[in-house]
Amino acid sequence: MKKFTKAISTLLVVALVVAMATVSAFAAEAESITVLSGPDKTVYYEGLDSYENEIWCDATGMVLEVTFDDGSKETITVDEYSYVDMHVVDYVIGENEATVEFYGTDDYDTYLETTYTVTVKESPVESVEVTKMPTKTEYDMEEDVLTRDNFTLDCLYETDPETMDEMLNDMGMTFEEMKAFYEENPEYYEMILDIVFSDFDTILNLDTEGMEILVTFKDGTTQTVTSDEDYITYNGEEYPIYVEQLDEVTEGENTFVVSVMGEEAEFAVNVVSANNNNTNNNTNNNTNNNTTTKPGTDKNDNKNP
């Protein structure tokens, strides 16, 4: 199950932008933009794809035609690295006009807008329930909590190595090459820290191994999801499963939330201090060492002569 997902995706975008070549001059200016064909995804779910009153859409696969002031045209197929944003403000359940914003390409800068119709549906999930807790539910404050001082890119990589390798491969980089880049450019590494720790100054390095959740859909069907699965499949589409902490990490009980298609379930794990552990152990040892027998008896409860 995914952790630090926002950080991973943003990290790779930052790395890509930094690696881009210098923008070259373009003789003609972009004047208008038209949608020739829609994106791969045109249906969104409330709760899953929404944030407050907005839907942030995925424009991947959309084909755009850019018209320049000299009459020339350019056709662009949007991929995950294109300068295109697509979103709906104040959405309703049903059809919505999404605003498509185009910022140009590697060859030129511009700002053009158009619209495209997308559909927003209610979440198909009725409920989410944690039916089996993770194997590990006890954590150490010193060893298991990430801060800006002890965080490394390896921590980020270990959360989802398969996705990281896939995205880095698309960019023509290996993980070791990416690490070398950030070691040589510490100012950009600071940007990564700002992203990872944008919500909390302390992050528990949660281990979801062994965890199981039961997802019940409104049509009466159910799916059990294990910790090995990062996605749930519904109507032929895959939707990510997220596990996030709700507050700064403190000693004692810490609450996490697992979310599937907009529905959530909470669970808690315990975080202890190494000092507390030592104190408890010393207390137990002292208790054992200070055990005495009652006067007039030996350890076998035999009376002394």
C-alpha atoms as a PDB file:
ATOM      1  CA  MET A   1       0.000   0.000   0.000  1.00  0.00           C
ATOM      2  CA  LYS A   2       1.319   3.379  -0.977  1.00  0.00           C
ATOM      3  CA  LYS A   3       3.009   5.875   1.324  1.00  0.00           C
ATOM      4  CA  PHE A   4       4.552   9.238   0.404  1.00  0.00           C
ATOM      5  CA  THR A   5       2.835   8.983  -2.982  1.00  0.00           C
ATOM      6  CA  LYS A   6       2.536  12.720  -3.451  1.00  0.00           C
ATOM      7  CA  ALA A   7       6.230  13.109  -2.692  1.00  0.00           C
ATOM      8  CA  ILE A   8       7.249  10.454  -5.220  1.00  0.00           C
ATOM      9  CA  SER A   9       5.285  11.929  -8.117  1.00  0.00           C
ATOM     10  CA  THR A  10       6.345  15.494  -7.365  1.00  0.00           C
ATOM     11  CA  LEU A  11       9.965  14.447  -6.928  1.00  0.00           C
ATOM     12  CA  LEU A  12      10.107  12.997 -10.420  1.00  0.00           C
ATOM     13  CA  VAL A  13       8.449  16.043 -11.938  1.00  0.00           C
ATOM     14  CA  VAL A  14      11.027  18.271 -10.240  1.00  0.00           C
ATOM     15  CA  ALA A  15      13.851  16.061 -11.509  1.00  0.00           C
ATOM     16  CA  LEU A  16      12.439  16.219 -15.014  1.00  0.00           C
ATOM     17  CA  VAL A  17      12.046  19.996 -15.040  1.00  0.00           C
ATOM     18  CA  VAL A  18      15.595  20.467 -13.794  1.00  0.00           C
ATOM     19  CA  ALA A  19      16.963  18.190 -16.522  1.00  0.00           C
ATOM     20  CA  MET A  20      15.114  19.917 -19.355  1.00  0.00           C
ATOM     21  CA  ALA A  21      17.073  21.697 -22.044  1.00  0.00           C
ATOM     22  CA  THR A  22      16.997  25.475 -22.342  1.00  0.00           C
ATOM     23  CA  VAL A  23      13.844  26.666 -24.071  1.00  0.00           C
ATOM     24  CA  SER A  24      14.573  27.777 -27.601  1.00  0.00           C
ATOM     25  CA  ALA A  25      12.993  30.644 -29.496  1.00  0.00           C
ATOM     26  CA  PHE A  26       9.971  29.991 -31.682  1.00  0.00           C
ATOM     27  CA  ALA A  27       9.246  32.342 -34.581  1.00  0.00           C
ATOM     28  CA  ALA A  28       5.430  32.314 -34.527  1.00  0.00           C
ATOM     29  CA  GLU A  29       3.250  32.853 -31.466  1.00  0.00           C
ATOM     30  CA  ALA A  30       0.594  30.378 -30.364  1.00  0.00           C
ATOM     31  CA  GLU A  31      -2.827  31.945 -30.852  1.00  0.00           C
ATOM     32  CA  SER A  32      -5.471  29.323 -30.017  1.00  0.00           C
ATOM     33  CA  ILE A  33      -5.890  25.713 -29.000  1.00  0.00           C
ATOM     34  CA  THR A  34      -8.502  23.074 -29.887  1.00  0.00           C
ATOM     35  CA  VAL A  35      -9.190  19.605 -28.514  1.00  0.00           C
ATOM     36  CA  LEU A  36      -9.096  17.110 -31.401  1.00  0.00           C
ATOM     37  CA  SER A  37      -9.773  14.091 -29.176  1.00  0.00           C
ATOM     38  CA  GLY A  38     -10.340  13.613 -25.469  1.00  0.00           C
ATOM     39  CA  PRO A  39      -8.056  12.190 -22.791  1.00  0.00           C
ATOM     40  CA  ASP A  40      -7.894   8.530 -21.795  1.00  0.00           C
ATOM     41  CA  LYS A  41      -9.810   9.204 -18.589  1.00  0.00           C
ATOM     42  CA  THR A  42     -13.100  11.108 -18.741  1.00  0.00           C
ATOM     43  CA  VAL A  43     -14.944   9.697 -15.695  1.00  0.00           C
ATOM     44  CA  TYR A  44     -14.065  10.787 -12.142  1.00  0.00           C
ATOM     45  CA  TYR A  45     -15.360   9.870  -8.706  1.00  0.00           C
ATOM     46  CA  GLU A  46     -16.303  12.220  -5.908  1.00  0.00           C
ATOM     47  CA  GLY A  47     -14.034  11.636  -2.928  1.00  0.00           C
ATOM     48  CA  LEU A  48     -11.410   9.780  -4.924  1.00  0.00           C
ATOM     49  CA  ASP A  49     -10.569  12.466  -7.494  1.00  0.00           C
ATOM     50  CA  SER A  50     -11.954  15.523  -5.720  1.00  0.00           C
ATOM     51  CA  TYR A  51     -10.274  17.941  -3.372  1.00  0.00           C
ATOM     52  CA  GLU A  52     -12.722  20.237  -1.596  1.00  0.00           C
ATOM     53  CA  ASN A  53     -14.798  21.592  -4.509  1.00  0.00           C
ATOM     54  CA  GLU A  54     -12.394  20.760  -7.363  1.00  0.00           C
ATOM     55  CA  ILE A  55     -11.606  17.793  -9.584  1.00  0.00           C
ATOM     56  CA  TRP A  56      -8.016  17.642 -10.822  1.00  0.00           C
ATOM     57  CA  CYS A  57      -8.225  15.735 -14.079  1.00  0.00           C
ATOM     58  CA  ASP A  58      -5.706  13.639 -15.996  1.00  0.00           C
ATOM     59  CA  ALA A  59      -5.207  15.023 -19.508  1.00  0.00           C
ATOM     60  CA  THR A  60      -2.985  12.101 -20.622  1.00  0.00           C
ATOM     61  CA  GLY A  61      -3.912  10.926 -24.112  1.00  0.00           C
ATOM     62  CA  MET A  62      -5.679  14.142 -25.120  1.00  0.00           C
ATOM     63  CA  VAL A  63      -4.805  15.370 -28.624  1.00  0.00           C
ATOM     64  CA  LEU A  64      -4.541  19.151 -28.995  1.00  0.00           C
ATOM     65  CA  GLU A  65      -4.168  21.320 -32.082  1.00  0.00           C
ATOM     66  CA  VAL A  66      -2.274  24.572 -31.581  1.00  0.00           C
ATOM     67  CA  THR A  67      -2.831  27.336 -34.142  1.00  0.00           C
ATOM     68  CA  PHE A  68      -0.157  30.019 -34.528  1.00  0.00           C
ATOM     69  CA  ASP A  69      -0.535  33.624 -35.680  1.00  0.00           C
ATOM     70  CA  ASP A  70       1.106  32.816 -39.026  1.00  0.00           C
ATOM     71  CA  GLY A  71      -1.593  30.220 -39.805  1.00  0.00           C
ATOM     72  CA  SER A  72       0.566  27.195 -39.067  1.00  0.00           C
ATOM     73  CA  LYS A  73      -0.686  24.391 -36.825  1.00  0.00           C
ATOM     74  CA  GLU A  74       0.880  21.857 -34.483  1.00  0.00           C
ATOM     75  CA  THR A  75      -0.661  18.647 -33.129  1.00  0.00           C
ATOM     76  CA  ILE A  76       0.282  17.627 -29.589  1.00  0.00           C
ATOM     77  CA  THR A  77      -0.552  14.382 -27.799  1.00  0.00           C
ATOM     78  CA  VAL A  78      -0.522  14.980 -24.054  1.00  0.00           C
ATOM     79  CA  ASP A  79       1.612  12.690 -21.906  1.00  0.00           C
ATOM     80  CA  GLU A  80       2.524  12.865 -18.211  1.00  0.00           C
ATOM     81  CA  TYR A  81       5.337  15.343 -18.903  1.00  0.00           C
ATOM     82  CA  SER A  82       3.335  17.785 -21.066  1.00  0.00           C
ATOM     83  CA  TYR A  83       2.636  21.311 -19.871  1.00  0.00           C
ATOM     84  CA  VAL A  84      -1.127  20.807 -19.636  1.00  0.00           C
ATOM     85  CA  ASP A  85      -3.399  21.182 -16.604  1.00  0.00           C
ATOM     86  CA  MET A  86      -7.043  20.145 -16.577  1.00  0.00           C
ATOM     87  CA  HIS A  87      -9.479  20.761 -13.735  1.00  0.00           C
ATOM     88  CA  VAL A  88     -13.117  21.339 -12.760  1.00  0.00           C
ATOM     89  CA  VAL A  89     -14.098  23.985 -10.193  1.00  0.00           C
ATOM     90  CA  ASP A  90     -17.379  23.679  -8.235  1.00  0.00           C
ATOM     91  CA  TYR A  91     -18.160  20.291  -9.756  1.00  0.00           C
ATOM     92  CA  VAL A  92     -21.545  18.579  -9.707  1.00  0.00           C
ATOM     93  CA  ILE A  93     -22.458  14.903  -9.988  1.00  0.00           C
ATOM     94  CA  GLY A  94     -22.895  14.415 -13.737  1.00  0.00           C
ATOM     95  CA  GLU A  95     -21.318  16.252 -16.674  1.00  0.00           C
ATOM     96  CA  ASN A  96     -18.888  19.129 -16.040  1.00  0.00           C
ATOM     97  CA  GLU A  97     -16.923  21.492 -18.249  1.00  0.00           C
ATOM     98  CA  ALA A  98     -13.243  21.030 -17.393  1.00  0.00           C
ATOM     99  CA  THR A  99     -10.847  23.898 -18.071  1.00  0.00           C
ATOM    100  CA  VAL A 100      -7.830  22.802 -20.129  1.00  0.00           C
ATOM    101  CA  GLU A 101      -4.778  25.033 -19.654  1.00  0.00           C
ATOM    102  CA  PHE A 102      -1.859  24.772 -22.093  1.00  0.00           C
ATOM    103  CA  TYR A 103       1.515  26.278 -21.123  1.00  0.00           C
ATOM    104  CA  GLY A 104       3.513  25.525 -24.286  1.00  0.00           C
ATOM    105  CA  THR A 105       6.233  22.964 -24.970  1.00  0.00           C
ATOM    106  CA  ASP A 106       9.995  22.676 -24.574  1.00  0.00           C
ATOM    107  CA  ASP A 107      10.262  24.941 -27.639  1.00  0.00           C
ATOM    108  CA  TYR A 108       8.025  27.829 -26.609  1.00  0.00           C
ATOM    109  CA  ASP A 109       6.041  29.317 -23.743  1.00  0.00           C
ATOM    110  CA  THR A 110       2.407  30.355 -23.976  1.00  0.00           C
ATOM    111  CA  TYR A 111      -0.860  30.290 -22.068  1.00  0.00           C
ATOM    112  CA  LEU A 112      -4.012  29.147 -23.823  1.00  0.00           C
ATOM    113  CA  GLU A 113      -7.317  27.795 -22.531  1.00  0.00           C
ATOM    114  CA  THR A 114     -10.090  25.604 -23.853  1.00  0.00           C
ATOM    115  CA  THR A 115     -12.674  23.249 -22.301  1.00  0.00           C
ATOM    116  CA  TYR A 116     -13.606  19.589 -22.401  1.00  0.00           C
ATOM    117  CA  THR A 117     -16.541  17.706 -20.863  1.00  0.00           C
ATOM    118  CA  VAL A 118     -15.909  15.110 -18.137  1.00  0.00           C
ATOM    119  CA  THR A 119     -18.270  13.130 -15.927  1.00  0.00           C
ATOM    120  CA  VAL A 120     -18.194  13.054 -12.121  1.00  0.00           C
ATOM    121  CA  LYS A 121     -19.838  10.111 -10.342  1.00  0.00           C
ATOM    122  CA  GLU A 122     -20.498   9.305  -6.710  1.00  0.00           C
ATOM    123  CA  SER A 123     -17.987   6.958  -5.093  1.00  0.00           C
ATOM    124  CA  PRO A 124     -19.036   3.320  -5.681  1.00  0.00           C
ATOM    125  CA  VAL A 125     -17.603   2.324  -2.275  1.00  0.00           C
ATOM    126  CA  GLU A 126     -20.003   1.848   0.625  1.00  0.00           C
ATOM    127  CA  SER A 127     -17.414   1.264   3.343  1.00  0.00           C
ATOM    128  CA  VAL A 128     -13.783   0.399   4.105  1.00  0.00           C
ATOM    129  CA  GLU A 129     -12.815  -1.726   7.116  1.00  0.00           C
ATOM    130  CA  VAL A 130      -9.423  -2.781   8.455  1.00  0.00           C
ATOM    131  CA  THR A 131      -9.981  -6.503   9.048  1.00  0.00           C
ATOM    132  CA  LYS A 132      -6.389  -7.395   9.883  1.00  0.00           C
ATOM    133  CA  MET A 133      -3.834  -5.098  11.467  1.00  0.00           C
ATOM    134  CA  PRO A 134      -0.258  -4.845  10.154  1.00  0.00           C
ATOM    135  CA  THR A 135       2.164  -7.348  11.637  1.00  0.00           C
ATOM    136  CA  LYS A 136       4.195  -4.512  13.135  1.00  0.00           C
ATOM    137  CA  THR A 137       2.229  -2.244  15.475  1.00  0.00           C
ATOM    138  CA  GLU A 138       5.009  -1.137  17.851  1.00  0.00           C
ATOM    139  CA  TYR A 139       7.545   1.500  16.723  1.00  0.00           C
ATOM    140  CA  ASP A 140      10.557   3.251  18.209  1.00  0.00           C
ATOM    141  CA  MET A 141      10.603   7.052  18.295  1.00  0.00           C
ATOM    142  CA  GLU A 142      14.330   7.231  17.529  1.00  0.00           C
ATOM    143  CA  GLU A 143      14.640   4.459  14.935  1.00  0.00           C
ATOM    144  CA  ASP A 144      11.355   4.563  13.011  1.00  0.00           C
ATOM    145  CA  VAL A 145      10.528   8.271  12.747  1.00  0.00           C
ATOM    146  CA  LEU A 146      11.764  10.275   9.747  1.00  0.00           C
ATOM    147  CA  THR A 147      12.755  13.933  10.020  1.00  0.00           C
ATOM    148  CA  ARG A 148      14.520  16.346   7.699  1.00  0.00           C
ATOM    149  CA  ASP A 149      17.785  15.441   9.444  1.00  0.00           C
ATOM    150  CA  ASN A 150      17.643  11.657   8.967  1.00  0.00           C
ATOM    151  CA  PHE A 151      15.609  11.414   5.732  1.00  0.00           C
ATOM    152  CA  THR A 152      17.332   9.970   2.634  1.00  0.00           C
ATOM    153  CA  LEU A 153      16.250   9.274  -0.929  1.00  0.00           C
ATOM    154  CA  ASP A 154      16.567   5.588  -0.098  1.00  0.00           C
ATOM    155  CA  CYS A 155      13.660   6.039   2.344  1.00  0.00           C
ATOM    156  CA  LEU A 156      11.587   7.412  -0.514  1.00  0.00           C
ATOM    157  CA  TYR A 157      12.631   4.667  -2.916  1.00  0.00           C
ATOM    158  CA  GLU A 158      11.772   1.877  -0.466  1.00  0.00           C
ATOM    159  CA  THR A 159       8.131   3.021  -0.209  1.00  0.00           C
ATOM    160  CA  ASP A 160       7.388   2.032  -3.835  1.00  0.00           C
ATOM    161  CA  PRO A 161      10.488   0.863  -5.764  1.00  0.00           C
ATOM    162  CA  GLU A 162       8.521  -0.599  -8.680  1.00  0.00           C
ATOM    163  CA  THR A 163       6.758   2.656  -9.515  1.00  0.00           C
ATOM    164  CA  MET A 164       9.920   4.674  -8.932  1.00  0.00           C
ATOM    165  CA  ASP A 165      11.950   2.475 -11.304  1.00  0.00           C
ATOM    166  CA  GLU A 166       9.234   2.653 -13.955  1.00  0.00           C
ATOM    167  CA  MET A 167       9.019   6.442 -13.886  1.00  0.00           C
ATOM    168  CA  LEU A 168      12.786   6.902 -13.763  1.00  0.00           C
ATOM    169  CA  ASN A 169      13.127   4.538 -16.723  1.00  0.00           C
ATOM    170  CA  ASP A 170      10.722   6.753 -18.697  1.00  0.00           C
ATOM    171  CA  MET A 171      13.018   9.668 -17.916  1.00  0.00           C
ATOM    172  CA  GLY A 172      16.130   7.723 -18.978  1.00  0.00           C
ATOM    173  CA  MET A 173      17.587   7.686 -15.457  1.00  0.00           C
ATOM    174  CA  THR A 174      18.453   5.087 -12.861  1.00  0.00           C
ATOM    175  CA  PHE A 175      17.866   5.587  -9.150  1.00  0.00           C
ATOM    176  CA  GLU A 176      21.617   5.817  -8.547  1.00  0.00           C
ATOM    177  CA  GLU A 177      21.908   8.514 -11.233  1.00  0.00           C
ATOM    178  CA  MET A 178      19.092  10.456  -9.622  1.00  0.00           C
ATOM    179  CA  LYS A 179      20.787  10.213  -6.219  1.00  0.00           C
ATOM    180  CA  ALA A 180      24.034  11.462  -7.735  1.00  0.00           C
ATOM    181  CA  PHE A 181      22.209  14.420  -9.281  1.00  0.00           C
ATOM    182  CA  TYR A 182      20.775  15.521  -5.933  1.00  0.00           C
ATOM    183  CA  GLU A 183      24.124  15.023  -4.186  1.00  0.00           C
ATOM    184  CA  GLU A 184      25.682  17.389  -6.717  1.00  0.00           C
ATOM    185  CA  ASN A 185      22.783  19.856  -6.455  1.00  0.00           C
ATOM    186  CA  PRO A 186      21.887  20.180  -2.755  1.00  0.00           C
ATOM    187  CA  GLU A 187      19.626  23.174  -3.426  1.00  0.00           C
ATOM    188  CA  TYR A 188      17.240  20.874  -5.303  1.00  0.00           C
ATOM    189  CA  TYR A 189      17.453  18.270  -2.538  1.00  0.00           C
ATOM    190  CA  GLU A 190      16.094  20.925  -0.190  1.00  0.00           C
ATOM    191  CA  MET A 191      13.082  21.168  -2.489  1.00  0.00           C
ATOM    192  CA  ILE A 192      12.499  17.436  -2.031  1.00  0.00           C
ATOM    193  CA  LEU A 193      12.615  17.822   1.750  1.00  0.00           C
ATOM    194  CA  ASP A 194      10.091  20.657   1.517  1.00  0.00           C
ATOM    195  CA  ILE A 195       7.777  18.367  -0.455  1.00  0.00           C
ATOM    196  CA  VAL A 196       8.125  15.286   1.755  1.00  0.00           C
ATOM    197  CA  PHE A 197       7.690  17.262   4.971  1.00  0.00           C
ATOM    198  CA  SER A 198       5.083  19.694   3.677  1.00  0.00           C
ATOM    199  CA  ASP A 199       2.365  18.284   5.985  1.00  0.00           C
ATOM    200  CA  PHE A 200       4.325  17.071   9.018  1.00  0.00           C
ATOM    201  CA  ASP A 201       7.785  17.578  10.500  1.00  0.00           C
ATOM    202  CA  THR A 202       7.848  13.954  11.645  1.00  0.00           C
ATOM    203  CA  ILE A 203       6.814  10.951   9.544  1.00  0.00           C
ATOM    204  CA  LEU A 204       6.485   7.409  10.853  1.00  0.00           C
ATOM    205  CA  ASN A 205       8.146   4.880   8.569  1.00  0.00           C
ATOM    206  CA  LEU A 206       5.036   2.715   8.683  1.00  0.00           C
ATOM    207  CA  ASP A 207       5.245  -0.957   7.691  1.00  0.00           C
ATOM    208  CA  THR A 208       1.886  -2.157   6.304  1.00  0.00           C
ATOM    209  CA  GLU A 209       3.044  -5.766   5.828  1.00  0.00           C
ATOM    210  CA  GLY A 210       0.306  -8.184   6.909  1.00  0.00           C
ATOM    211  CA  MET A 211      -2.483  -5.615   6.772  1.00  0.00           C
ATOM    212  CA  GLU A 212      -5.825  -6.496   5.155  1.00  0.00           C
ATOM    213  CA  ILE A 213      -8.822  -4.283   4.418  1.00  0.00           C
ATOM    214  CA  LEU A 214     -12.346  -5.154   3.332  1.00  0.00           C
ATOM    215  CA  VAL A 215     -13.923  -2.892   0.704  1.00  0.00           C
ATOM    216  CA  THR A 216     -17.699  -3.085   0.357  1.00  0.00           C
ATOM    217  CA  PHE A 217     -19.266  -1.568  -2.758  1.00  0.00           C
ATOM    218  CA  LYS A 218     -22.721  -0.061  -3.063  1.00  0.00           C
ATOM    219  CA  ASP A 219     -23.715  -2.831  -5.487  1.00  0.00           C
ATOM    220  CA  GLY A 220     -23.216  -5.374  -2.679  1.00  0.00           C
ATOM    221  CA  THR A 221     -19.908  -6.828  -3.900  1.00  0.00           C
ATOM    222  CA  THR A 222     -16.788  -6.891  -1.738  1.00  0.00           C
ATOM    223  CA  GLN A 223     -13.030  -7.047  -2.234  1.00  0.00           C
ATOM    224  CA  THR A 224     -10.312  -7.908   0.265  1.00  0.00           C
ATOM    225  CA  VAL A 225      -7.095  -5.982  -0.278  1.00  0.00           C
ATOM    226  CA  THR A 226      -3.756  -7.066   1.204  1.00  0.00           C
ATOM    227  CA  SER A 227      -0.644  -5.043   1.961  1.00  0.00           C
ATOM    228  CA  ASP A 228       0.986  -6.334  -1.240  1.00  0.00           C
ATOM    229  CA  GLU A 229      -1.563  -4.504  -3.380  1.00  0.00           C
ATOM    230  CA  ASP A 230      -1.266  -0.805  -4.246  1.00  0.00           C
ATOM    231  CA  TYR A 231      -4.438  -0.656  -6.358  1.00  0.00           C
ATOM    232  CA  ILE A 232      -8.014  -1.893  -6.315  1.00  0.00           C
ATOM    233  CA  THR A 233      -9.709  -2.831  -9.590  1.00  0.00           C
ATOM    234  CA  TYR A 234     -13.243  -1.612 -10.293  1.00  0.00           C
ATOM    235  CA  ASN A 235     -15.005  -1.871 -13.668  1.00  0.00           C
ATOM    236  CA  GLY A 236     -11.689  -2.648 -15.343  1.00  0.00           C
ATOM    237  CA  GLU A 237      -9.875   0.399 -13.929  1.00  0.00           C
ATOM    238  CA  GLU A 238      -7.239   0.495 -11.208  1.00  0.00           C
ATOM    239  CA  TYR A 239      -7.556   2.947  -8.311  1.00  0.00           C
ATOM    240  CA  PRO A 240      -4.749   3.610  -5.811  1.00  0.00           C
ATOM    241  CA  ILE A 241      -4.934   2.694  -2.134  1.00  0.00           C
ATOM    242  CA  TYR A 242      -3.367   5.267   0.169  1.00  0.00           C
ATOM    243  CA  VAL A 243      -2.203   5.014   3.777  1.00  0.00           C
ATOM    244  CA  GLU A 244      -1.523   8.336   5.495  1.00  0.00           C
ATOM    245  CA  GLN A 245      -0.804   9.562   8.992  1.00  0.00           C
ATOM    246  CA  LEU A 246      -3.159  12.139  10.469  1.00  0.00           C
ATOM    247  CA  ASP A 247      -0.844  14.140  12.724  1.00  0.00           C
ATOM    248  CA  GLU A 248       2.712  14.634  13.947  1.00  0.00           C
ATOM    249  CA  VAL A 249       4.277  11.469  15.369  1.00  0.00           C
ATOM    250  CA  THR A 250       4.180  11.392  19.172  1.00  0.00           C
ATOM    251  CA  GLU A 251       4.860   8.853  21.876  1.00  0.00           C
ATOM    252  CA  GLY A 252       1.862   6.620  22.405  1.00  0.00           C
ATOM    253  CA  GLU A 253      -0.999   5.910  20.013  1.00  0.00           C
ATOM    254  CA  ASN A 254      -0.740   7.355  16.495  1.00  0.00           C
ATOM    255  CA  THR A 255      -3.675   7.228  14.091  1.00  0.00           C
ATOM    256  CA  PHE A 256      -3.442   6.415  10.394  1.00  0.00           C
ATOM    257  CA  VAL A 257      -6.108   6.350   7.707  1.00  0.00           C
ATOM    258  CA  VAL A 258      -6.404   3.983   4.744  1.00  0.00           C
ATOM    259  CA  SER A 259      -8.462   5.398   1.861  1.00  0.00           C
ATOM    260  CA  VAL A 260     -10.016   3.606  -1.101  1.00  0.00           C
ATOM    261  CA  MET A 261     -11.910   5.522  -3.768  1.00  0.00           C
ATOM    262  CA  GLY A 262     -12.840   8.303  -1.382  1.00  0.00           C
ATOM    263  CA  GLU A 263     -13.901   6.137   1.584  1.00  0.00           C
ATOM    264  CA  GLU A 264     -11.696   5.799   4.658  1.00  0.00           C
ATOM    265  CA  ALA A 265     -10.971   3.646   7.696  1.00  0.00           C
ATOM    266  CA  GLU A 266      -8.725   4.494  10.635  1.00  0.00           C
ATOM    267  CA  PHE A 267      -6.298   2.317  12.585  1.00  0.00           C
ATOM    268  CA  ALA A 268      -3.653   3.043  15.206  1.00  0.00           C
ATOM    269  CA  VAL A 269      -0.116   1.917  16.039  1.00  0.00           C
ATOM    270  CA  ASN A 270       1.986   2.593  19.118  1.00  0.00           C
ATOM    271  CA  VAL A 271       5.229   4.589  19.221  1.00  0.00           C
ATOM    272  CA  VAL A 272       7.530   4.355  22.224  1.00  0.00           C
ATOM    273  CA  SER A 273      10.736   6.104  23.214  1.00  0.00           C
ATOM    274  CA  ALA A 274      13.941   4.140  23.575  1.00  0.00           C
ATOM    275  CA  ASN A 275      14.403   5.878  26.948  1.00  0.00           C
ATOM    276  CA  ASN A 276      11.035   4.605  28.093  1.00  0.00           C
ATOM    277  CA  ASN A 277      11.954   1.094  26.993  1.00  0.00           C
ATOM    278  CA  ASN A 278      15.193   1.250  28.969  1.00  0.00           C
ATOM    279  CA  THR A 279      13.388   2.645  31.987  1.00  0.00           C
ATOM    280  CA  ASN A 280      10.810  -0.141  31.857  1.00  0.00           C
ATOM    281  CA  ASN A 281      13.498  -2.781  31.476  1.00  0.00           C
ATOM    282  CA  ASN A 282      15.515  -1.365  34.377  1.00  0.00           C
ATOM    283  CA  THR A 283      12.397  -1.221  36.516  1.00  0.00           C
ATOM    284  CA  ASN A 284      11.634  -4.852  35.751  1.00  0.00           C
ATOM    285  CA  ASN A 285      15.229  -5.881  36.459  1.00  0.00           C
ATOM    286  CA  ASN A 286      15.290  -3.987  39.745  1.00  0.00           C
ATOM    287  CA  THR A 287      12.006  -5.549  40.758  1.00  0.00           C
ATOM    288  CA  ASN A 288      13.424  -9.014  40.098  1.00  0.00           C
ATOM    289  CA  ASN A 289      16.743  -8.290  41.817  1.00  0.00           C
ATOM    290  CA  ASN A 290      15.124  -6.795  44.901  1.00  0.00           C
ATOM    291  CA  THR A 291      12.830  -9.744  45.578  1.00  0.00           C
ATOM    292  CA  THR A 292      13.354 -10.955  49.158  1.00  0.00           C
ATOM    293  CA  THR A 293      12.081 -13.856  51.202  1.00  0.00           C
ATOM    294  CA  LYS A 294      10.022 -13.442  54.304  1.00  0.00           C
ATOM    295  CA  PRO A 295      11.862 -13.746  57.625  1.00  0.00           C
ATOM    296  CA  GLY A 296      11.922 -17.241  58.913  1.00  0.00           C
ATOM    297  CA  THR A 297      11.521 -18.898  55.483  1.00  0.00           C
ATOM    298  CA  ASP A 298      13.839 -19.863  52.650  1.00  0.00           C
ATOM    299  CA  LYS A 299      13.098 -19.687  48.940  1.00  0.00           C
ATOM    300  CA  ASN A 300      11.486 -23.090  49.047  1.00  0.00           C
ATOM    301  CA  ASP A 301       9.127 -21.940  51.803  1.00  0.00           C
ATOM    302  CA  ASN A 302      10.847 -24.335  54.256  1.00  0.00           C
ATOM    303  CA  LYS A 303      11.093 -22.993  57.775  1.00  0.00           C
ATOM    304  CA  ASN A 304      14.606 -22.257  59.019  1.00  0.00           C
ATOM    305  CA  PRO A 305      15.712 -24.163  62.024  1.00  0.00           C
END
